[in-house]
Amino acid sequence: MTPIVLLASLTALVYAASYLIMCLIAPWGHCRRCKGVGHRPALIGRTRRECTRCDGTGRRVRIGRRLIEYIRTEYRAGTR
């Protein structure tokens, strides 16, 4: 049973490391609300509304990148 736990832990570690590398290389991801289009259909009628989360760009900062920036600013604030 130990090799299975070790393999699962190693898989989770590799996945987390690859996600953090991806956040460093490409910090912008598709907006989940508008699916990267930049606008959403209105509730009434055929007009389109600009997505409020991404301000119509269709791109948002990834959660991992936000975490990296938070840790970086806290570290810098603590060393002053």
Protein backbone atom coordinates (compact mmCIF):
# COMPACT_ATOMS: atom_id res chain seq x y z
CA MET A 1 0.00 0.00 0.00
CA THR A 2 2.91 2.36 0.56
CA PRO A 3 3.93 2.45 -3.14
CA ILE A 4 0.40 3.59 -4.06
CA VAL A 5 0.48 6.42 -1.54
CA LEU A 6 3.96 7.40 -2.72
CA LEU A 7 2.84 7.39 -6.35
CA ALA A 8 -0.24 9.49 -5.53
CA SER A 9 1.86 11.99 -3.58
CA LEU A 10 4.41 12.22 -6.37
CA THR A 11 1.66 12.75 -8.94
CA ALA A 12 0.11 15.56 -6.87
CA LEU A 13 3.51 17.17 -6.41
CA VAL A 14 4.28 17.07 -10.15
CA TYR A 15 0.84 18.50 -10.96
CA ALA A 16 1.28 21.37 -8.47
CA ALA A 17 4.78 22.15 -9.72
CA SER A 18 3.67 22.20 -13.36
CA TYR A 19 0.75 24.51 -12.48
CA LEU A 20 3.06 26.94 -10.67
CA ILE A 21 5.47 26.94 -13.61
CA MET A 22 2.55 27.63 -15.95
CA CYS A 23 1.45 30.52 -13.69
CA LEU A 24 4.93 32.01 -13.88
CA ILE A 25 5.17 31.67 -17.65
CA ALA A 26 1.58 32.54 -18.61
CA PRO A 27 -0.17 34.41 -15.77
CA TRP A 28 -3.31 35.16 -17.81
CA GLY A 29 -6.06 32.60 -18.32
CA HIS A 30 -9.50 32.61 -19.89
CA CYS A 31 -12.28 34.23 -17.90
CA ARG A 32 -14.56 31.52 -16.54
CA ARG A 33 -17.67 33.67 -16.51
CA CYS A 34 -17.66 34.65 -20.21
CA LYS A 35 -15.49 31.68 -21.31
CA GLY A 36 -12.86 33.99 -22.83
CA VAL A 37 -15.21 35.81 -25.20
CA GLY A 38 -15.42 39.10 -23.30
CA HIS A 39 -19.17 39.46 -23.38
CA ARG A 40 -22.25 37.66 -22.16
CA PRO A 41 -25.76 37.57 -23.54
CA ALA A 42 -28.23 39.82 -21.74
CA LEU A 43 -31.09 38.33 -19.79
CA ILE A 44 -33.72 40.12 -21.88
CA GLY A 45 -33.42 40.74 -25.59
CA ARG A 46 -30.62 39.97 -27.99
CA THR A 47 -28.10 42.53 -26.80
CA ARG A 48 -24.76 41.55 -25.34
CA ARG A 49 -23.29 42.84 -22.11
CA GLU A 50 -19.63 43.32 -21.42
CA CYS A 51 -18.31 40.85 -18.85
CA THR A 52 -17.80 42.61 -15.53
CA ARG A 53 -15.17 40.20 -14.23
CA CYS A 54 -12.67 40.62 -17.05
CA ASP A 55 -13.84 44.08 -18.23
CA GLY A 56 -14.52 42.69 -21.69
CA THR A 57 -11.02 41.39 -22.35
CA GLY A 58 -11.79 37.69 -21.91
CA ARG A 59 -8.62 37.21 -19.84
CA ARG A 60 -8.08 37.07 -16.07
CA VAL A 61 -5.11 36.53 -13.81
CA ARG A 62 -4.82 32.90 -12.74
CA ILE A 63 -5.44 32.00 -9.11
CA GLY A 64 -1.94 30.55 -8.77
CA ARG A 65 -0.41 33.80 -10.00
CA ARG A 66 -2.43 35.73 -7.42
CA LEU A 67 -1.10 33.40 -4.76
CA ILE A 68 2.49 33.89 -5.94
CA GLU A 69 2.07 37.68 -5.89
CA TYR A 70 0.49 37.60 -2.42
CA ILE A 71 3.35 35.55 -1.01
CA ARG A 72 5.89 37.81 -2.71
CA THR A 73 4.38 41.02 -1.32
CA GLU A 74 4.04 39.55 2.18
CA TYR A 75 7.66 38.44 2.10
CA ARG A 76 8.84 41.86 0.95
CA ALA A 77 6.73 43.63 3.57
CA GLY A 78 8.13 41.42 6.30
CA THR A 79 11.77 42.05 5.43
CA ARG A 80 11.58 45.85 5.69
